Amino acid sequence: MKVYLTKNVEKIGMQGEIVKVSDGFATNYLFPKKLAVQITDANESYFASREKKIEHRKEVIATQTSMLAEKIKATTLILKRKMHDDSKLYGSVSPQEIADLLSEKGIGVSKNQVVFDKSIKEKGTYEVTIKLSSRLQPKLKISVVPEKA
């Protein structure tokens, strides 16, 4: 069955694309959650023209996203935290803290886009992945240093 996606569906397609999916997946998952609309002979030309407009918009967004990725790669964050005597943090670094530090530098990302390989609980330098899209995932360097009392 051919459907027009009204929202991004992971591993299926992006918003505005016309994709072919199984009938059961469309009727049991995509249609009830309003993630897609069925393509019929009557509305196929309408959705095809919308797909072209959205394709152009995606190109513009991809350019902006790649520029943002370069900006993230060039950024190093220094995080000052209270520590025990053996250089362990009292807590761990949260994705929200990283998102807040990036927003202070003019880079807008949500905490859901911040991905840790492992939790940060000690002082040192770490690499954190920022998931901008499924293909574009720049890495960011974070230095955790003790806060001077």
C-alpha atoms as a PDB file:
ATOM      1  CA  MET A   1       0.000   0.000   0.000  1.00  0.00           C
ATOM      2  CA  LYS A   2       1.277   3.475  -0.853  1.00  0.00           C
ATOM      3  CA  VAL A   3       0.993   6.056   1.920  1.00  0.00           C
ATOM      4  CA  TYR A   4       1.916   9.712   2.385  1.00  0.00           C
ATOM      5  CA  LEU A   5       3.725  10.232   5.708  1.00  0.00           C
ATOM      6  CA  THR A   6       2.386  13.123   7.771  1.00  0.00           C
ATOM      7  CA  LYS A   7       5.129  12.723  10.420  1.00  0.00           C
ATOM      8  CA  ASN A   8       8.622  11.224  10.546  1.00  0.00           C
ATOM      9  CA  VAL A   9       8.516   7.469  11.169  1.00  0.00           C
ATOM     10  CA  GLU A  10      11.832   5.904  12.133  1.00  0.00           C
ATOM     11  CA  LYS A  11      13.097   3.261   9.664  1.00  0.00           C
ATOM     12  CA  ILE A  12      10.172   4.021   7.301  1.00  0.00           C
ATOM     13  CA  GLY A  13      10.601   7.578   6.047  1.00  0.00           C
ATOM     14  CA  MET A  14      10.462  11.291   6.646  1.00  0.00           C
ATOM     15  CA  GLN A  15       7.448  13.585   6.756  1.00  0.00           C
ATOM     16  CA  GLY A  16       6.177  14.385   3.268  1.00  0.00           C
ATOM     17  CA  GLU A  17       7.442  11.229   1.558  1.00  0.00           C
ATOM     18  CA  ILE A  18       5.347   8.732  -0.326  1.00  0.00           C
ATOM     19  CA  VAL A  19       6.388   5.236   0.726  1.00  0.00           C
ATOM     20  CA  LYS A  20       5.198   1.708   0.160  1.00  0.00           C
ATOM     21  CA  VAL A  21       4.362  -0.256   3.326  1.00  0.00           C
ATOM     22  CA  SER A  22       2.490  -3.449   4.093  1.00  0.00           C
ATOM     23  CA  ASP A  23      -1.280  -3.177   4.403  1.00  0.00           C
ATOM     24  CA  GLY A  24      -1.325  -4.411   7.999  1.00  0.00           C
ATOM     25  CA  PHE A  25       1.346  -1.957   9.147  1.00  0.00           C
ATOM     26  CA  ALA A  26      -0.556   0.929   7.565  1.00  0.00           C
ATOM     27  CA  THR A  27      -3.989   0.020   8.905  1.00  0.00           C
ATOM     28  CA  ASN A  28      -2.882  -1.104  12.375  1.00  0.00           C
ATOM     29  CA  TYR A  29      -0.122   1.390  13.164  1.00  0.00           C
ATOM     30  CA  LEU A  30       0.231   4.343  10.786  1.00  0.00           C
ATOM     31  CA  PHE A  31      -3.439   5.292  10.257  1.00  0.00           C
ATOM     32  CA  PRO A  32      -4.629   5.051  13.914  1.00  0.00           C
ATOM     33  CA  LYS A  33      -1.692   7.208  15.090  1.00  0.00           C
ATOM     34  CA  LYS A  34      -2.297   9.645  12.211  1.00  0.00           C
ATOM     35  CA  LEU A  35       1.259   9.168  10.937  1.00  0.00           C
ATOM     36  CA  ALA A  36       0.182   8.589   7.332  1.00  0.00           C
ATOM     37  CA  VAL A  37      -2.611   9.035   4.790  1.00  0.00           C
ATOM     38  CA  GLN A  38      -3.509   6.437   2.180  1.00  0.00           C
ATOM     39  CA  ILE A  39      -2.675   7.299  -1.430  1.00  0.00           C
ATOM     40  CA  THR A  40      -5.554   6.706  -3.841  1.00  0.00           C
ATOM     41  CA  ASP A  41      -5.812   7.387  -7.567  1.00  0.00           C
ATOM     42  CA  ALA A  42      -7.803  10.554  -6.811  1.00  0.00           C
ATOM     43  CA  ASN A  43      -5.314  12.160  -4.434  1.00  0.00           C
ATOM     44  CA  GLU A  44      -2.006  10.831  -5.818  1.00  0.00           C
ATOM     45  CA  SER A  45      -1.211  13.934  -7.917  1.00  0.00           C
ATOM     46  CA  TYR A  46      -1.947  16.245  -4.964  1.00  0.00           C
ATOM     47  CA  PHE A  47       0.424  14.396  -2.637  1.00  0.00           C
ATOM     48  CA  ALA A  48       3.079  14.103  -5.370  1.00  0.00           C
ATOM     49  CA  SER A  49       3.136  17.902  -5.728  1.00  0.00           C
ATOM     50  CA  ARG A  50       3.360  18.318  -1.939  1.00  0.00           C
ATOM     51  CA  GLU A  51       6.248  15.831  -1.898  1.00  0.00           C
ATOM     52  CA  LYS A  52       8.218  18.014  -4.348  1.00  0.00           C
ATOM     53  CA  LYS A  53       7.718  21.120  -2.184  1.00  0.00           C
ATOM     54  CA  ILE A  54       8.795  19.264   0.937  1.00  0.00           C
ATOM     55  CA  GLU A  55      11.825  17.836  -0.883  1.00  0.00           C
ATOM     56  CA  HIS A  56      13.029  21.384  -1.578  1.00  0.00           C
ATOM     57  CA  ARG A  57      12.459  22.322   2.060  1.00  0.00           C
ATOM     58  CA  LYS A  58      14.450  19.249   3.165  1.00  0.00           C
ATOM     59  CA  GLU A  59      17.437  20.373   1.104  1.00  0.00           C
ATOM     60  CA  VAL A  60      17.443  23.737   2.874  1.00  0.00           C
ATOM     61  CA  ILE A  61      17.138  22.049   6.274  1.00  0.00           C
ATOM     62  CA  ALA A  62      19.936  19.596   5.413  1.00  0.00           C
ATOM     63  CA  THR A  63      22.246  22.512   4.621  1.00  0.00           C
ATOM     64  CA  GLN A  64      21.416  24.212   7.911  1.00  0.00           C
ATOM     65  CA  THR A  65      21.847  20.943   9.822  1.00  0.00           C
ATOM     66  CA  SER A  66      25.261  20.273   8.310  1.00  0.00           C
ATOM     67  CA  MET A  67      26.351  23.795   9.276  1.00  0.00           C
ATOM     68  CA  LEU A  68      25.115  23.123  12.823  1.00  0.00           C
ATOM     69  CA  ALA A  69      27.049  19.827  12.858  1.00  0.00           C
ATOM     70  CA  GLU A  70      30.279  21.625  11.942  1.00  0.00           C
ATOM     71  CA  LYS A  71      29.657  24.149  14.708  1.00  0.00           C
ATOM     72  CA  ILE A  72      29.112  21.321  17.218  1.00  0.00           C
ATOM     73  CA  LYS A  73      32.298  19.507  16.145  1.00  0.00           C
ATOM     74  CA  ALA A  74      34.325  22.671  16.730  1.00  0.00           C
ATOM     75  CA  THR A  75      32.866  23.200  20.213  1.00  0.00           C
ATOM     76  CA  THR A  76      34.478  22.087  23.458  1.00  0.00           C
ATOM     77  CA  LEU A  77      32.506  22.431  26.668  1.00  0.00           C
ATOM     78  CA  ILE A  78      34.046  22.818  30.110  1.00  0.00           C
ATOM     79  CA  LEU A  79      31.799  21.594  32.904  1.00  0.00           C
ATOM     80  CA  LYS A  80      32.721  22.627  36.467  1.00  0.00           C
ATOM     81  CA  ARG A  81      31.301  20.267  39.079  1.00  0.00           C
ATOM     82  CA  LYS A  82      31.758  19.468  42.762  1.00  0.00           C
ATOM     83  CA  MET A  83      33.871  16.344  43.293  1.00  0.00           C
ATOM     84  CA  HIS A  84      35.023  13.945  45.977  1.00  0.00           C
ATOM     85  CA  ASP A  85      38.715  13.838  46.863  1.00  0.00           C
ATOM     86  CA  ASP A  86      39.241  10.897  44.476  1.00  0.00           C
ATOM     87  CA  SER A  87      38.003  12.987  41.484  1.00  0.00           C
ATOM     88  CA  LYS A  88      34.567  11.361  41.289  1.00  0.00           C
ATOM     89  CA  LEU A  89      31.490  13.520  40.822  1.00  0.00           C
ATOM     90  CA  TYR A  90      28.767  13.696  43.451  1.00  0.00           C
ATOM     91  CA  GLY A  91      26.275  12.885  40.703  1.00  0.00           C
ATOM     92  CA  SER A  92      26.524  12.184  37.004  1.00  0.00           C
ATOM     93  CA  VAL A  93      26.334  14.609  34.090  1.00  0.00           C
ATOM     94  CA  SER A  94      22.843  14.699  32.572  1.00  0.00           C
ATOM     95  CA  PRO A  95      21.863  15.266  28.936  1.00  0.00           C
ATOM     96  CA  GLN A  96      19.895  18.346  30.059  1.00  0.00           C
ATOM     97  CA  GLU A  97      23.106  19.966  31.378  1.00  0.00           C
ATOM     98  CA  ILE A  98      24.817  19.418  28.023  1.00  0.00           C
ATOM     99  CA  ALA A  99      21.810  20.840  26.154  1.00  0.00           C
ATOM    100  CA  ASP A 100      21.801  23.903  28.453  1.00  0.00           C
ATOM    101  CA  LEU A 101      25.540  24.524  27.951  1.00  0.00           C
ATOM    102  CA  LEU A 102      25.122  24.248  24.180  1.00  0.00           C
ATOM    103  CA  SER A 103      22.200  26.695  24.213  1.00  0.00           C
ATOM    104  CA  GLU A 104      24.419  29.202  26.040  1.00  0.00           C
ATOM    105  CA  LYS A 105      26.807  28.944  23.084  1.00  0.00           C
ATOM    106  CA  GLY A 106      23.998  29.497  20.585  1.00  0.00           C
ATOM    107  CA  ILE A 107      23.502  25.864  19.575  1.00  0.00           C
ATOM    108  CA  GLY A 108      19.926  24.733  20.088  1.00  0.00           C
ATOM    109  CA  VAL A 109      19.510  21.000  20.775  1.00  0.00           C
ATOM    110  CA  SER A 110      17.110  19.126  23.024  1.00  0.00           C
ATOM    111  CA  LYS A 111      18.153  16.750  25.784  1.00  0.00           C
ATOM    112  CA  ASN A 112      16.781  13.858  23.715  1.00  0.00           C
ATOM    113  CA  GLN A 113      19.421  14.506  21.062  1.00  0.00           C
ATOM    114  CA  VAL A 114      22.321  14.160  23.519  1.00  0.00           C
ATOM    115  CA  VAL A 115      23.656  10.576  23.554  1.00  0.00           C
ATOM    116  CA  PHE A 116      26.274   9.306  26.034  1.00  0.00           C
ATOM    117  CA  ASP A 117      28.388   6.217  25.316  1.00  0.00           C
ATOM    118  CA  LYS A 118      28.593   5.705  29.076  1.00  0.00           C
ATOM    119  CA  SER A 119      27.575   7.873  32.006  1.00  0.00           C
ATOM    120  CA  ILE A 120      30.001  10.616  33.036  1.00  0.00           C
ATOM    121  CA  LYS A 121      30.840  10.239  36.739  1.00  0.00           C
ATOM    122  CA  GLU A 122      34.519  11.255  36.952  1.00  0.00           C
ATOM    123  CA  LYS A 123      36.677  14.191  35.963  1.00  0.00           C
ATOM    124  CA  GLY A 124      38.275  13.991  32.532  1.00  0.00           C
ATOM    125  CA  THR A 125      37.576  14.559  28.852  1.00  0.00           C
ATOM    126  CA  TYR A 126      34.688  12.764  27.161  1.00  0.00           C
ATOM    127  CA  GLU A 127      33.091  12.584  23.721  1.00  0.00           C
ATOM    128  CA  VAL A 128      29.332  12.993  23.553  1.00  0.00           C
ATOM    129  CA  THR A 129      27.272  12.366  20.413  1.00  0.00           C
ATOM    130  CA  ILE A 130      24.606  14.869  19.359  1.00  0.00           C
ATOM    131  CA  LYS A 131      21.985  13.116  17.202  1.00  0.00           C
ATOM    132  CA  LEU A 132      20.827  15.739  14.694  1.00  0.00           C
ATOM    133  CA  SER A 133      19.420  13.179  12.258  1.00  0.00           C
ATOM    134  CA  SER A 134      19.784   9.474  11.561  1.00  0.00           C
ATOM    135  CA  ARG A 135      22.827  10.149   9.362  1.00  0.00           C
ATOM    136  CA  LEU A 136      24.277  13.260  10.972  1.00  0.00           C
ATOM    137  CA  GLN A 137      25.657  12.636  14.459  1.00  0.00           C
ATOM    138  CA  PRO A 138      28.571  14.940  15.293  1.00  0.00           C
ATOM    139  CA  LYS A 139      30.687  14.334  18.391  1.00  0.00           C
ATOM    140  CA  LEU A 140      31.355  16.998  20.982  1.00  0.00           C
ATOM    141  CA  LYS A 141      34.230  17.146  23.488  1.00  0.00           C
ATOM    142  CA  ILE A 142      33.370  17.774  27.134  1.00  0.00           C
ATOM    143  CA  SER A 143      35.934  18.434  29.861  1.00  0.00           C
ATOM    144  CA  VAL A 144      34.776  17.822  33.411  1.00  0.00           C
ATOM    145  CA  VAL A 145      36.896  19.804  35.892  1.00  0.00           C
ATOM    146  CA  PRO A 146      36.624  20.355  39.652  1.00  0.00           C
ATOM    147  CA  GLU A 147      34.794  23.425  40.882  1.00  0.00           C
ATOM    148  CA  LYS A 148      37.011  25.626  43.022  1.00  0.00           C
ATOM    149  CA  ALA A 149      35.499  26.243  46.434  1.00  0.00           C
END
